[in-house]
Every structure is written in structure tokens, then in C-alpha cells.
Amino acid sequence: MSEKEIIERLKKIVEPYVQRSEGLENFQEKTDFLNDLEINSANLVDVVLDVEDEFDIEIDNDSMEGMLTVGDAKSIIQDKIKAE
């Protein structure tokens, strides 16, 4: 799975939780879930659950805490897919 495909799928996952739509227009690896998209921490848990379902992976608590940007999420997804 390409990095671009992962990022496109991530964008679809986070879209319902985004409070700041301008952040979606510039959705890229450095996009911060909390600051740029204004996704609250409760919804961030929902995003993680949706990512697990979408990519058929399991994200542990340590990885979840490190998932602050789109790039972080992409790297975690890639690592988990490789580990399976």
C-alpha cells in the first residue's frame, strides 16, 4: 500500500471529526490532529478505532499516544501492516 493511499484513507477517516475544515484543505504529513484539524482528544480515540478497522491492525497505547500528526499515523500504520 502506497504512502499516498494511506494518507487518502486517513483523510476520509478523520473528516467527520474535524472542527477546522481549513486543515483538511492542506491535509499532509505535518498536519496535526489536535492543532490543525481541532479534533478533540475524545474523538481522537474514535479516529484510532476507525484506523484499526480500516487497516485491520491493532494500535497499542504507546503508539496511540505518539499519533499526533498525519505523518505519525502513516508511520504507525505502515509499521503495523509490516508486522502482520
Protein backbone atom coordinates (compact mmCIF):
# COMPACT_ATOMS: atom_id res chain seq x y z
CA MET A 1 0.00 0.00 0.00
CA SER A 2 1.45 3.37 -1.02
CA GLU A 3 2.01 6.26 1.37
CA LYS A 4 -0.37 8.38 -0.71
CA GLU A 5 -3.11 5.75 -0.40
CA ILE A 6 -2.66 5.57 3.39
CA ILE A 7 -2.91 9.37 3.66
CA GLU A 8 -6.02 9.46 1.45
CA ARG A 9 -7.70 6.80 3.57
CA LEU A 10 -6.69 8.64 6.75
CA LYS A 11 -8.27 11.83 5.44
CA LYS A 12 -11.58 10.04 4.91
CA ILE A 13 -11.41 8.59 8.43
CA VAL A 14 -10.75 11.91 10.20
CA GLU A 15 -13.12 14.05 8.11
CA PRO A 16 -16.23 13.51 10.30
CA TYR A 17 -14.29 14.56 13.43
CA VAL A 18 -12.64 17.72 12.04
CA GLN A 19 -13.70 21.01 13.65
CA ARG A 20 -11.50 23.20 11.42
CA SER A 21 -12.19 22.48 7.76
CA GLU A 22 -9.24 24.62 6.56
CA GLY A 23 -6.99 21.94 7.99
CA LEU A 24 -8.49 19.37 5.62
CA GLU A 25 -7.67 21.52 2.61
CA ASN A 26 -3.95 21.24 3.40
CA PHE A 27 -4.06 17.63 4.65
CA GLN A 28 -0.46 16.38 4.60
CA GLU A 29 2.07 14.53 6.74
CA LYS A 30 2.76 17.51 9.00
CA THR A 31 -0.95 18.15 9.65
CA ASP A 32 -1.53 17.98 13.42
CA PHE A 33 -4.76 16.30 14.50
CA LEU A 34 -5.27 18.50 17.57
CA ASN A 35 -3.97 21.88 16.38
CA ASP A 36 -4.58 21.96 12.63
CA LEU A 37 -7.80 19.92 12.49
CA GLU A 38 -9.02 20.69 16.03
CA ILE A 39 -10.06 17.11 16.67
CA ASN A 40 -10.70 16.81 20.41
CA SER A 41 -8.98 14.11 22.41
CA ALA A 42 -12.15 12.04 22.85
CA ASN A 43 -12.69 11.97 19.09
CA LEU A 44 -9.03 11.10 18.58
CA VAL A 45 -9.77 7.78 20.27
CA ASP A 46 -12.57 7.26 17.73
CA VAL A 47 -10.11 8.04 14.94
CA VAL A 48 -7.73 5.38 16.26
CA LEU A 49 -10.54 2.82 16.43
CA ASP A 50 -11.58 3.69 12.87
CA VAL A 51 -7.97 3.36 11.70
CA GLU A 52 -7.76 -0.07 13.30
CA ASP A 53 -10.90 -1.17 11.46
CA GLU A 54 -9.93 0.42 8.12
CA PHE A 55 -6.44 -1.10 8.02
CA ASP A 56 -7.18 -4.28 10.01
CA ILE A 57 -4.45 -3.55 12.57
CA GLU A 58 -4.20 -3.11 16.33
CA ILE A 59 -2.73 0.08 17.75
CA ASP A 60 -1.33 -0.19 21.27
CA ASN A 61 -1.48 2.64 23.81
CA ASP A 62 2.14 3.71 23.27
CA SER A 63 1.58 4.03 19.52
CA MET A 64 -1.71 5.81 20.08
CA GLU A 65 -0.02 8.44 22.27
CA GLY A 66 2.51 9.08 19.51
CA MET A 67 -0.14 9.58 16.84
CA LEU A 68 -0.21 13.38 16.79
CA THR A 69 0.22 14.13 13.09
CA VAL A 70 -0.83 12.55 9.82
CA GLY A 71 2.80 11.51 9.29
CA ASP A 72 2.90 9.83 12.71
CA ALA A 73 -0.28 7.93 11.91
CA LYS A 74 1.03 6.89 8.48
CA SER A 75 4.28 5.55 10.00
CA ILE A 76 2.41 3.63 12.71
CA ILE A 77 0.04 2.13 10.13
CA GLN A 78 2.96 1.10 7.90
CA ASP A 79 4.80 -0.50 10.84
CA LYS A 80 1.70 -2.41 11.98
CA ILE A 81 0.95 -3.65 8.43
CA LYS A 82 4.55 -4.89 8.06
CA ALA A 83 4.40 -6.64 11.45
CA GLU A 84 1.34 -8.70 10.49
